[in-house]
Structure formats: C-alpha cells, structure tokens
mmCIF file of all heavy atoms, coordinates in Angstrom:
data_MODEL
# 
_entry.id   MODEL 
# 
loop_
_atom_site.group_PDB 
_atom_site.id 
_atom_site.type_symbol 
_atom_site.label_atom_id 
_atom_site.label_alt_id 
_atom_site.label_comp_id 
_atom_site.label_asym_id 
_atom_site.label_entity_id 
_atom_site.label_seq_id 
_atom_site.pdbx_PDB_ins_code 
_atom_site.Cartn_x 
_atom_site.Cartn_y 
_atom_site.Cartn_z 
_atom_site.occupancy 
_atom_site.B_iso_or_equiv 
_atom_site.pdbx_formal_charge 
_atom_site.auth_seq_id 
_atom_site.auth_comp_id 
_atom_site.auth_asym_id 
_atom_site.auth_atom_id 
_atom_site.pdbx_PDB_model_num 
ATOM 1   N N   . ASP A 1 1  ? 50.073 105.670 -16.292 1.00 0.00 ? 1  ASP A N   1 
ATOM 2   C CA  . ASP A 1 1  ? 49.930 105.473 -17.740 1.00 0.00 ? 1  ASP A CA  1 
ATOM 3   C C   . ASP A 1 1  ? 50.277 104.038 -18.136 1.00 0.00 ? 1  ASP A C   1 
ATOM 4   O O   . ASP A 1 1  ? 51.024 103.793 -19.088 1.00 0.00 ? 1  ASP A O   1 
ATOM 5   C CB  . ASP A 1 1  ? 50.793 106.467 -18.518 1.00 0.00 ? 1  ASP A CB  1 
ATOM 6   C CG  . ASP A 1 1  ? 50.373 106.560 -19.986 1.00 0.00 ? 1  ASP A CG  1 
ATOM 7   O OD1 . ASP A 1 1  ? 49.282 106.048 -20.339 1.00 0.00 ? 1  ASP A OD1 1 
ATOM 8   O OD2 . ASP A 1 1  ? 51.148 107.130 -20.790 1.00 0.00 ? 1  ASP A OD2 1 
ATOM 9   N N   . ALA A 1 2  ? 49.743 103.090 -17.384 1.00 0.00 ? 2  ALA A N   1 
ATOM 10  C CA  . ALA A 1 2  ? 49.953 101.669 -17.668 1.00 0.00 ? 2  ALA A CA  1 
ATOM 11  C C   . ALA A 1 2  ? 48.663 100.934 -17.326 1.00 0.00 ? 2  ALA A C   1 
ATOM 12  O O   . ALA A 1 2  ? 48.166 101.032 -16.204 1.00 0.00 ? 2  ALA A O   1 
ATOM 13  C CB  . ALA A 1 2  ? 51.107 101.120 -16.843 1.00 0.00 ? 2  ALA A CB  1 
ATOM 14  N N   . VAL A 1 3  ? 48.113 100.234 -18.317 1.00 0.00 ? 3  VAL A N   1 
ATOM 15  C CA  . VAL A 1 3  ? 46.836 99.541  -18.105 1.00 0.00 ? 3  VAL A CA  1 
ATOM 16  C C   . VAL A 1 3  ? 46.896 98.144  -18.698 1.00 0.00 ? 3  VAL A C   1 
ATOM 17  O O   . VAL A 1 3  ? 47.652 97.870  -19.630 1.00 0.00 ? 3  VAL A O   1 
ATOM 18  C CB  . VAL A 1 3  ? 45.656 100.314 -18.746 1.00 0.00 ? 3  VAL A CB  1 
ATOM 19  C CG1 . VAL A 1 3  ? 45.501 101.692 -18.130 1.00 0.00 ? 3  VAL A CG1 1 
ATOM 20  C CG2 . VAL A 1 3  ? 45.845 100.416 -20.261 1.00 0.00 ? 3  VAL A CG2 1 
ATOM 21  N N   . VAL A 1 4  ? 46.096 97.267  -18.119 1.00 0.00 ? 4  VAL A N   1 
ATOM 22  C CA  . VAL A 1 4  ? 45.871 95.949  -18.697 1.00 0.00 ? 4  VAL A CA  1 
ATOM 23  C C   . VAL A 1 4  ? 44.582 96.033  -19.493 1.00 0.00 ? 4  VAL A C   1 
ATOM 24  O O   . VAL A 1 4  ? 43.522 96.356  -18.956 1.00 0.00 ? 4  VAL A O   1 
ATOM 25  C CB  . VAL A 1 4  ? 45.757 94.867  -17.603 1.00 0.00 ? 4  VAL A CB  1 
ATOM 26  C CG1 . VAL A 1 4  ? 45.480 93.500  -18.247 1.00 0.00 ? 4  VAL A CG1 1 
ATOM 27  C CG2 . VAL A 1 4  ? 47.027 94.814  -16.766 1.00 0.00 ? 4  VAL A CG2 1 
ATOM 28  N N   . LEU A 1 5  ? 44.674 95.770  -20.788 1.00 0.00 ? 5  LEU A N   1 
ATOM 29  C CA  . LEU A 1 5  ? 43.503 95.871  -21.644 1.00 0.00 ? 5  LEU A CA  1 
ATOM 30  C C   . LEU A 1 5  ? 42.535 94.721  -21.356 1.00 0.00 ? 5  LEU A C   1 
ATOM 31  O O   . LEU A 1 5  ? 42.958 93.610  -21.035 1.00 0.00 ? 5  LEU A O   1 
ATOM 32  C CB  . LEU A 1 5  ? 43.923 95.831  -23.115 1.00 0.00 ? 5  LEU A CB  1 
ATOM 33  C CG  . LEU A 1 5  ? 44.822 96.990  -23.571 1.00 0.00 ? 5  LEU A CG  1 
ATOM 34  C CD1 . LEU A 1 5  ? 45.311 96.749  -25.002 1.00 0.00 ? 5  LEU A CD1 1 
ATOM 35  C CD2 . LEU A 1 5  ? 44.084 98.319  -23.482 1.00 0.00 ? 5  LEU A CD2 1 
ATOM 36  N N   . PRO A 1 6  ? 41.245 94.975  -21.467 1.00 0.00 ? 6  PRO A N   1 
ATOM 37  C CA  . PRO A 1 6  ? 40.273 93.888  -21.274 1.00 0.00 ? 6  PRO A CA  1 
ATOM 38  C C   . PRO A 1 6  ? 40.395 92.867  -22.391 1.00 0.00 ? 6  PRO A C   1 
ATOM 39  O O   . PRO A 1 6  ? 40.957 93.141  -23.453 1.00 0.00 ? 6  PRO A O   1 
ATOM 40  C CB  . PRO A 1 6  ? 38.929 94.614  -21.316 1.00 0.00 ? 6  PRO A CB  1 
ATOM 41  C CG  . PRO A 1 6  ? 39.189 95.836  -22.139 1.00 0.00 ? 6  PRO A CG  1 
ATOM 42  C CD  . PRO A 1 6  ? 40.596 96.252  -21.821 1.00 0.00 ? 6  PRO A CD  1 
ATOM 43  N N   . ARG A 1 7  ? 39.850 91.681  -22.150 1.00 0.00 ? 7  ARG A N   1 
ATOM 44  C CA  . ARG A 1 7  ? 39.843 90.665  -23.198 1.00 0.00 ? 7  ARG A CA  1 
ATOM 45  C C   . ARG A 1 7  ? 39.040 91.162  -24.382 1.00 0.00 ? 7  ARG A C   1 
ATOM 46  O O   . ARG A 1 7  ? 37.960 91.729  -24.229 1.00 0.00 ? 7  ARG A O   1 
ATOM 47  C CB  . ARG A 1 7  ? 39.252 89.358  -22.676 1.00 0.00 ? 7  ARG A CB  1 
ATOM 48  C CG  . ARG A 1 7  ? 40.113 88.659  -21.635 1.00 0.00 ? 7  ARG A CG  1 
ATOM 49  C CD  . ARG A 1 7  ? 39.615 87.267  -21.345 1.00 0.00 ? 7  ARG A CD  1 
ATOM 50  N NE  . ARG A 1 7  ? 39.763 86.395  -22.509 1.00 0.00 ? 7  ARG A NE  1 
ATOM 51  C CZ  . ARG A 1 7  ? 39.479 85.096  -22.496 1.00 0.00 ? 7  ARG A CZ  1 
ATOM 52  N NH1 . ARG A 1 7  ? 39.009 84.524  -21.397 1.00 0.00 ? 7  ARG A NH1 1 
ATOM 53  N NH2 . ARG A 1 7  ? 39.632 84.363  -23.587 1.00 0.00 ? 7  ARG A NH2 1 
ATOM 54  N N   . MET A 1 8  ? 39.587 90.967  -25.586 1.00 0.00 ? 8  MET A N   1 
ATOM 55  C CA  . MET A 1 8  ? 38.965 91.481  -26.801 1.00 0.00 ? 8  MET A CA  1 
ATOM 56  C C   . MET A 1 8  ? 38.976 90.411  -27.878 1.00 0.00 ? 8  MET A C   1 
ATOM 57  O O   . MET A 1 8  ? 39.720 89.434  -27.801 1.00 0.00 ? 8  MET A O   1 
ATOM 58  C CB  . MET A 1 8  ? 39.740 92.714  -27.299 1.00 0.00 ? 8  MET A CB  1 
ATOM 59  C CG  . MET A 1 8  ? 39.761 93.890  -26.345 1.00 0.00 ? 8  MET A CG  1 
ATOM 60  S SD  . MET A 1 8  ? 40.831 95.220  -26.955 1.00 0.00 ? 8  MET A SD  1 
ATOM 61  C CE  . MET A 1 8  ? 42.442 94.521  -26.628 1.00 0.00 ? 8  MET A CE  1 
ATOM 62  N N   . GLY A 1 9  ? 38.169 90.632  -28.900 1.00 0.00 ? 9  GLY A N   1 
ATOM 63  C CA  . GLY A 1 9  ? 38.210 89.790  -30.078 1.00 0.00 ? 9  GLY A CA  1 
ATOM 64  C C   . GLY A 1 9  ? 39.448 90.090  -30.895 1.00 0.00 ? 9  GLY A C   1 
ATOM 65  O O   . GLY A 1 9  ? 40.131 91.101  -30.685 1.00 0.00 ? 9  GLY A O   1 
ATOM 66  N N   . LEU A 1 10 ? 39.739 89.226  -31.866 1.00 0.00 ? 10 LEU A N   1 
ATOM 67  C CA  . LEU A 1 10 ? 40.944 89.385  -32.667 1.00 0.00 ? 10 LEU A CA  1 
ATOM 68  C C   . LEU A 1 10 ? 40.981 90.718  -33.400 1.00 0.00 ? 10 LEU A C   1 
ATOM 69  O O   . LEU A 1 10 ? 42.036 91.357  -33.487 1.00 0.00 ? 10 LEU A O   1 
ATOM 70  C CB  . LEU A 1 10 ? 41.052 88.237  -33.673 1.00 0.00 ? 10 LEU A CB  1 
ATOM 71  C CG  . LEU A 1 10 ? 41.710 86.952  -33.170 1.00 0.00 ? 10 LEU A CG  1 
ATOM 72  C CD1 . LEU A 1 10 ? 41.644 85.876  -34.253 1.00 0.00 ? 10 LEU A CD1 1 
ATOM 73  C CD2 . LEU A 1 10 ? 43.153 87.216  -32.775 1.00 0.00 ? 10 LEU A CD2 1 
ATOM 74  N N   . ARG A 1 11 ? 39.843 91.151  -33.942 1.00 0.00 ? 11 ARG A N   1 
ATOM 75  C CA  . ARG A 1 11 ? 39.854 92.403  -34.690 1.00 0.00 ? 11 ARG A CA  1 
ATOM 76  C C   . ARG A 1 11 ? 40.163 93.573  -33.763 1.00 0.00 ? 11 ARG A C   1 
ATOM 77  O O   . ARG A 1 11 ? 40.907 94.499  -34.132 1.00 0.00 ? 11 ARG A O   1 
ATOM 78  C CB  . ARG A 1 11 ? 38.512 92.618  -35.395 1.00 0.00 ? 11 ARG A CB  1 
ATOM 79  C CG  . ARG A 1 11 ? 38.417 93.951  -36.163 1.00 0.00 ? 11 ARG A CG  1 
ATOM 80  C CD  . ARG A 1 11 ? 39.577 94.108  -37.146 1.00 0.00 ? 11 ARG A CD  1 
ATOM 81  N NE  . ARG A 1 11 ? 39.694 95.448  -37.657 1.00 0.00 ? 11 ARG A NE  1 
ATOM 82  C CZ  . ARG A 1 11 ? 39.226 95.860  -38.841 1.00 0.00 ? 11 ARG A CZ  1 
ATOM 83  N NH1 . ARG A 1 11 ? 38.592 94.996  -39.626 1.00 0.00 ? 11 ARG A NH1 1 
ATOM 84  N NH2 . ARG A 1 11 ? 39.391 97.092  -39.240 1.00 0.00 ? 11 ARG A NH2 1 
ATOM 85  N N   . GLN A 1 12 ? 39.621 93.553  -32.546 1.00 0.00 ? 12 GLN A N   1 
ATOM 86  C CA  . GLN A 1 12 ? 39.888 94.631  -31.604 1.00 0.00 ? 12 GLN A CA  1 
ATOM 87  C C   . GLN A 1 12 ? 41.364 94.639  -31.188 1.00 0.00 ? 12 GLN A C   1 
ATOM 88  O O   . GLN A 1 12 ? 41.973 95.708  -31.070 1.00 0.00 ? 12 GLN A O   1 
ATOM 89  C CB  . GLN A 1 12 ? 38.985 94.493  -30.368 1.00 0.00 ? 12 GLN A CB  1 
ATOM 90  C CG  . GLN A 1 12 ? 37.526 94.820  -30.610 1.00 0.00 ? 12 GLN A CG  1 
ATOM 91  C CD  . GLN A 1 12 ? 36.824 93.765  -31.451 1.00 0.00 ? 12 GLN A CD  1 
ATOM 92  O OE1 . GLN A 1 12 ? 37.072 92.569  -31.288 1.00 0.00 ? 12 GLN A OE1 1 
ATOM 93  N NE2 . GLN A 1 12 ? 35.955 94.206  -32.353 1.00 0.00 ? 12 GLN A NE2 1 
ATOM 94  N N   . VAL A 1 13 ? 41.943 93.458  -31.004 1.00 0.00 ? 13 VAL A N   1 
ATOM 95  C CA  . VAL A 1 13 ? 43.370 93.389  -30.688 1.00 0.00 ? 13 VAL A CA  1 
ATOM 96  C C   . VAL A 1 13 ? 44.197 93.918  -31.859 1.00 0.00 ? 13 VAL A C   1 
ATOM 97  O O   . VAL A 1 13 ? 45.158 94.675  -31.671 1.00 0.00 ? 13 VAL A O   1 
ATOM 98  C CB  . VAL A 1 13 ? 43.789 91.944  -30.349 1.00 0.00 ? 13 VAL A CB  1 
ATOM 99  C CG1 . VAL A 1 13 ? 45.300 91.860  -30.169 1.00 0.00 ? 13 VAL A CG1 1 
ATOM 100 C CG2 . VAL A 1 13 ? 43.092 91.471  -29.088 1.00 0.00 ? 13 VAL A CG2 1 
ATOM 101 N N   . ALA A 1 14 ? 43.827 93.530  -33.076 1.00 0.00 ? 14 ALA A N   1 
ATOM 102 C CA  . ALA A 1 14 ? 44.545 94.012  -34.257 1.00 0.00 ? 14 ALA A CA  1 
ATOM 103 C C   . ALA A 1 14 ? 44.484 95.537  -34.353 1.00 0.00 ? 14 ALA A C   1 
ATOM 104 O O   . ALA A 1 14 ? 45.471 96.177  -34.717 1.00 0.00 ? 14 ALA A O   1 
ATOM 105 C CB  . ALA A 1 14 ? 43.970 93.372  -35.518 1.00 0.00 ? 14 ALA A CB  1 
ATOM 106 N N   . ASP A 1 15 ? 43.347 96.109  -34.020 1.00 0.00 ? 15 ASP A N   1 
ATOM 107 C CA  . ASP A 1 15 ? 43.225 97.567  -34.038 1.00 0.00 ? 15 ASP A CA  1 
ATOM 108 C C   . ASP A 1 15 ? 44.161 98.200  -33.020 1.00 0.00 ? 15 ASP A C   1 
ATOM 109 O O   . ASP A 1 15 ? 44.768 99.245  -33.283 1.00 0.00 ? 15 ASP A O   1 
ATOM 110 C CB  . ASP A 1 15 ? 41.775 97.976  -33.752 1.00 0.00 ? 15 ASP A CB  1 
ATOM 111 C CG  . ASP A 1 15 ? 40.828 97.648  -34.904 1.00 0.00 ? 15 ASP A CG  1 
ATOM 112 O OD1 . ASP A 1 15 ? 41.319 97.438  -36.025 1.00 0.00 ? 15 ASP A OD1 1 
ATOM 113 O OD2 . ASP A 1 15 ? 39.607 97.591  -34.665 1.00 0.00 ? 15 ASP A OD2 1 
ATOM 114 N N   . GLN A 1 16 ? 44.272 97.595  -31.837 1.00 0.00 ? 16 GLN A N   1 
ATOM 115 C CA  . GLN A 1 16 ? 45.200 98.103  -30.825 1.00 0.00 ? 16 GLN A CA  1 
ATOM 116 C C   . GLN A 1 16 ? 46.645 98.014  -31.319 1.00 0.00 ? 16 GLN A C   1 
ATOM 117 O O   . GLN A 1 16 ? 47.431 98.955  -31.160 1.00 0.00 ? 16 GLN A O   1 
ATOM 118 C CB  . GLN A 1 16 ? 45.044 97.304  -29.523 1.00 0.00 ? 16 GLN A CB  1 
ATOM 119 C CG  . GLN A 1 16 ? 43.732 97.524  -28.792 1.00 0.00 ? 16 GLN A CG  1 
ATOM 120 C CD  . GLN A 1 16 ? 43.690 98.861  -28.059 1.00 0.00 ? 16 GLN A CD  1 
ATOM 121 O OE1 . GLN A 1 16 ? 44.719 99.481  -27.786 1.00 0.00 ? 16 GLN A OE1 1 
ATOM 122 N NE2 . GLN A 1 16 ? 42.482 99.300  -27.736 1.00 0.00 ? 16 GLN A NE2 1 
ATOM 123 N N   . LEU A 1 17 ? 46.995 96.889  -31.918 1.00 0.00 ? 17 LEU A N   1 
ATOM 124 C CA  . LEU A 1 17 ? 48.347 96.718  -32.437 1.00 0.00 ? 17 LEU A CA  1 
ATOM 125 C C   . LEU A 1 17 ? 48.656 97.725  -33.535 1.00 0.00 ? 17 LEU A C   1 
ATOM 126 O O   . LEU A 1 17 ? 49.766 98.272  -33.596 1.00 0.00 ? 17 LEU A O   1 
ATOM 127 C CB  . LEU A 1 17 ? 48.520 95.292  -32.971 1.00 0.00 ? 17 LEU A CB  1 
ATOM 128 C CG  . LEU A 1 17 ? 48.509 94.169  -31.939 1.00 0.00 ? 17 LEU A CG  1 
ATOM 129 C CD1 . LEU A 1 17 ? 48.421 92.811  -32.636 1.00 0.00 ? 17 LEU A CD1 1 
ATOM 130 C CD2 . LEU A 1 17 ? 49.744 94.224  -31.061 1.00 0.00 ? 17 LEU A CD2 1 
ATOM 131 N N   . ALA A 1 18 ? 47.683 97.970  -34.392 1.00 0.00 ? 18 ALA A N   1 
ATOM 132 C CA  . ALA A 1 18 ? 47.896 98.884  -35.518 1.00 0.00 ? 18 ALA A CA  1 
ATOM 133 C C   . ALA A 1 18 ? 48.176 100.300 -35.044 1.00 0.00 ? 18 ALA A C   1 
ATOM 134 O O   . ALA A 1 18 ? 48.881 101.071 -35.717 1.00 0.00 ? 18 ALA A O   1 
ATOM 135 C CB  . ALA A 1 18 ? 46.691 98.859  -36.444 1.00 0.00 ? 18 ALA A CB  1 
ATOM 136 N N   . ARG A 1 19 ? 47.640 100.676 -33.892 1.00 0.00 ? 19 ARG A N   1 
ATOM 137 C CA  . ARG A 1 19 ? 47.817 102.038 -33.382 1.00 0.00 ? 19 ARG A CA  1 
ATOM 138 C C   . ARG A 1 19 ? 49.066 102.204 -32.519 1.00 0.00 ? 19 ARG A C   1 
ATOM 139 O O   . ARG A 1 19 ? 49.437 103.326 -32.165 1.00 0.00 ? 19 ARG A O   1 
ATOM 140 C CB  . ARG A 1 19 ? 46.591 102.453 -32.558 1.00 0.00 ? 19 ARG A CB  1 
ATOM 141 C CG  . ARG A 1 19 ? 45.305 102.560 -33.354 1.00 0.00 ? 19 ARG A CG  1 
ATOM 142 C CD  . ARG A 1 19 ? 44.267 103.371 -32.606 1.00 0.00 ? 19 ARG A CD  1 
ATOM 143 N NE  . ARG A 1 19 ? 43.888 102.768 -31.335 1.00 0.00 ? 19 ARG A NE  1 
ATOM 144 C CZ  . ARG A 1 19 ? 42.868 101.942 -31.172 1.00 0.00 ? 19 ARG A CZ  1 
ATOM 145 N NH1 . ARG A 1 19 ? 42.139 101.582 -32.225 1.00 0.00 ? 19 ARG A NH1 1 
ATOM 146 N NH2 . ARG A 1 19 ? 42.571 101.447 -29.983 1.00 0.00 ? 19 ARG A NH2 1 
ATOM 147 N N   . ALA A 1 20 ? 49.709 101.094 -32.166 1.00 0.00 ? 20 ALA A N   1 
ATOM 148 C CA  . ALA A 1 20 ? 50.826 101.150 -31.224 1.00 0.00 ? 20 ALA A CA  1 
ATOM 149 C C   . ALA A 1 20 ? 52.101 101.672 -31.886 1.00 0.00 ? 20 ALA A C   1 
ATOM 150 O O   . ALA A 1 20 ? 52.368 101.396 -33.059 1.00 0.00 ? 20 ALA A O   1 
ATOM 151 C CB  . ALA A 1 20 ? 51.077 99.769  -30.631 1.00 0.00 ? 20 ALA A CB  1 
ATOM 152 N N   . ARG A 1 21 ? 52.906 102.400 -31.101 1.00 0.00 ? 21 ARG A N   1 
ATOM 153 C CA  . ARG A 1 21 ? 54.206 102.850 -31.590 1.00 0.00 ? 21 ARG A CA  1 
ATOM 154 C C   . ARG A 1 21 ? 55.161 101.666 -31.744 1.00 0.00 ? 21 ARG A C   1 
ATOM 155 O O   . ARG A 1 21 ? 55.977 101.630 -32.664 1.00 0.00 ? 21 ARG A O   1 
ATOM 156 C CB  . ARG A 1 21 ? 54.793 103.856 -30.605 1.00 0.00 ? 21 ARG A CB  1 
ATOM 157 C CG  . ARG A 1 21 ? 56.143 104.437 -30.993 1.00 0.00 ? 21 ARG A CG  1 
ATOM 158 C CD  . ARG A 1 21 ? 56.024 105.548 -31.986 1.00 0.00 ? 21 ARG A CD  1 
ATOM 159 N NE  . ARG A 1 21 ? 55.229 106.650 -31.435 1.00 0.00 ? 21 ARG A NE  1 
ATOM 160 C CZ  . ARG A 1 21 ? 54.779 107.667 -32.153 1.00 0.00 ? 21 ARG A CZ  1 
ATOM 161 N NH1 . ARG A 1 21 ? 55.018 107.700 -33.454 1.00 0.00 ? 21 ARG A NH1 1 
ATOM 162 N NH2 . ARG A 1 21 ? 54.075 108.630 -31.604 1.00 0.00 ? 21 ARG A NH2 1 
ATOM 163 N N   . ILE A 1 22 ? 55.044 100.717 -30.831 1.00 0.00 ? 22 ILE A N   1 
ATOM 164 C CA  . ILE A 1 22 ? 55.924 99.551  -30.833 1.00 0.00 ? 22 ILE A CA  1 
ATOM 165 C C   . ILE A 1 22 ? 55.225 98.444  -30.067 1.00 0.00 ? 22 ILE A C   1 
ATOM 166 O O   . ILE A 1 22 ? 54.356 98.704  -29.224 1.00 0.00 ? 22 ILE A O   1 
ATOM 167 C CB  . ILE A 1 22 ? 57.293 99.892  -30.198 1.00 0.00 ? 22 ILE A CB  1 
ATOM 168 C CG1 . ILE A 1 22 ? 58.299 98.760  -30.405 1.00 0.00 ? 22 ILE A CG1 1 
ATOM 169 C CG2 . ILE A 1 22 ? 57.129 100.232 -28.710 1.00 0.00 ? 22 ILE A CG2 1 
ATOM 170 C CD1 . ILE A 1 22 ? 59.726 99.137  -29.982 1.00 0.00 ? 22 ILE A CD1 1 
ATOM 171 N N   . MET A 1 23 ? 55.602 97.206  -30.358 1.00 0.00 ? 23 MET A N   1 
ATOM 172 C CA  . MET A 1 23 ? 55.069 96.062  -29.625 1.00 0.00 ? 23 MET A CA  1 
ATOM 173 C C   . MET A 1 23 ? 56.245 95.238  -29.119 1.00 0.00 ? 23 MET A C   1 
ATOM 174 O O   . MET A 1 23 ? 57.193 94.965  -29.864 1.00 0.00 ? 23 MET A O   1 
ATOM 175 C CB  . MET A 1 23 ? 54.192 95.208  -30.547 1.00 0.00 ? 23 MET A CB  1 
ATOM 176 C CG  . MET A 1 23 ? 53.243 94.268  -29.803 1.00 0.00 ? 23 MET A CG  1 
ATOM 177 S SD  . MET A 1 23 ? 53.948 92.673  -29.421 1.00 0.00 ? 23 MET A SD  1 
ATOM 178 C CE  . MET A 1 23 ? 52.452 91.752  -29.032 1.00 0.00 ? 23 MET A CE  1 
ATOM 179 N N   . VAL A 1 24 ? 56.191 94.852  -27.842 1.00 0.00 ? 24 VAL A N   1 
ATOM 180 C CA  . VAL A 1 24 ? 57.189 93.967  -27.237 1.00 0.00 ? 24 VAL A CA  1 
ATOM 181 C C   . VAL A 1 24 ? 56.433 92.798  -26.629 1.00 0.00 ? 24 VAL A C   1 
ATOM 182 O O   . VAL A 1 24 ? 55.523 92.996  -25.815 1.00 0.00 ? 24 VAL A O   1 
ATOM 183 C CB  . VAL A 1 24 ? 58.009 94.681  -26.145 1.00 0.00 ? 24 VAL A CB  1 
ATOM 184 C CG1 . VAL A 1 24 ? 59.072 93.736  -25.579 1.00 0.00 ? 24 VAL A CG1 1 
ATOM 185 C CG2 . VAL A 1 24 ? 58.656 95.956  -26.687 1.00 0.00 ? 24 VAL A CG2 1 
ATOM 186 N N   . GLY A 1 25 ? 56.766 91.587  -27.042 1.00 0.00 ? 25 GLY A N   1 
ATOM 187 C CA  . GLY A 1 25 ? 56.008 90.454  -26.533 1.00 0.00 ? 25 GLY A CA  1 
ATOM 188 C C   . GLY A 1 25 ? 56.779 89.160  -26.556 1.00 0.00 ? 25 GLY A C   1 
ATOM 189 O O   . GLY A 1 25 ? 57.797 89.017  -27.245 1.00 0.00 ? 25 GLY A O   1 
ATOM 190 N N   . LEU A 1 26 ? 56.293 88.206  -25.774 1.00 0.00 ? 26 LEU A N   1 
ATOM 191 C CA  . LEU A 1 26 ? 56.815 86.854  -25.837 1.00 0.00 ? 26 LEU A CA  1 
ATOM 192 C C   . LEU A 1 26 ? 56.422 86.230  -27.171 1.00 0.00 ? 26 LEU A C   1 
ATOM 193 O O   . LEU A 1 26 ? 55.578 86.758  -27.902 1.00 0.00 ? 26 LEU A O   1 
ATOM 194 C CB  . LEU A 1 26 ? 56.262 86.035  -24.674 1.00 0.00 ? 26 LEU A CB  1 
ATOM 195 C CG  . LEU A 1 26 ? 56.543 86.573  -23.269 1.00 0.00 ? 26 LEU A CG  1 
ATOM 196 C CD1 . LEU A 1 26 ? 55.947 85.646  -22.219 1.00 0.00 ? 26 LEU A CD1 1 
ATOM 197 C CD2 . LEU A 1 26 ? 58.033 86.758  -23.022 1.00 0.00 ? 26 LEU A CD2 1 
ATOM 198 N N   . ASP A 1 27 ? 57.066 85.113  -27.492 1.00 0.00 ? 27 ASP A N   1 
ATOM 199 C CA  . ASP A 1 27 ? 56.746 84.405  -28.732 1.00 0.00 ? 27 ASP A CA  1 
ATOM 200 C C   . ASP A 1 27 ? 55.300 83.923  -28.673 1.00 0.00 ? 27 ASP A C   1 
ATOM 201 O O   . ASP A 1 27 ? 54.972 82.969  -27.982 1.00 0.00 ? 27 ASP A O   1 
ATOM 202 C CB  . ASP A 1 27 ? 57.698 83.224  -28.900 1.00 0.00 ? 27 ASP A CB  1 
ATOM 203 C CG  . ASP A 1 27 ? 57.377 82.383  -30.120 1.00 0.00 ? 27 ASP A CG  1 
ATOM 204 O OD1 . ASP A 1 27 ? 56.805 82.928  -31.077 1.00 0.00 ? 27 ASP A OD1 1 
ATOM 205 O OD2 . ASP A 1 27 ? 57.694 81.175  -30.100 1.00 0.00 ? 27 ASP A OD2 1 
ATOM 206 N N   . SER A 1 28 ? 54.426 84.629  -29.379 1.00 0.00 ? 28 SER A N   1 
ATOM 207 C CA  . SER A 1 28 ? 53.001 84.303  -29.377 1.00 0.00 ? 28 SER A CA  1 
ATOM 208 C C   . SER A 1 28 ? 52.415 84.703  -30.711 1.00 0.00 ? 28 SER A C   1 
ATOM 209 O O   . SER A 1 28 ? 53.009 85.471  -31.477 1.00 0.00 ? 28 SER A O   1 
ATOM 210 C CB  . SER A 1 28 ? 52.276 85.047  -28.245 1.00 0.00 ? 28 SER A CB  1 
ATOM 211 O OG  . SER A 1 28 ? 52.186 86.428  -28.553 1.00 0.00 ? 28 SER A OG  1 
ATOM 212 N N   . GLY A 1 29 ? 51.218 84.198  -30.975 1.00 0.00 ? 29 GLY A N   1 
ATOM 213 C CA  . GLY A 1 29 ? 50.558 84.539  -32.222 1.00 0.00 ? 29 GLY A CA  1 
ATOM 214 C C   . GLY A 1 29 ? 50.325 86.030  -32.371 1.00 0.00 ? 29 GLY A C   1 
ATOM 215 O O   . GLY A 1 29 ? 50.439 86.583  -33.474 1.00 0.00 ? 29 GLY A O   1 
# 
C-alpha cells in the first residue's frame, strides 16, 4: 500500500492533496 504517483499537472496534484488525510513533505511549493 505504497506507491509513487506518476508525474501530473498542478491541478491533478491539487486533487490528490485535497483527498489526502495528511501531507508530510520537505519545504516545497
């Protein structure tokens, strides 16, 4: 249950973020 998502456009990434329970990331846009 761990995958690397394919490269996506900004809107597709935003959709993924919107559905996530939580986000953990390095300092990035």
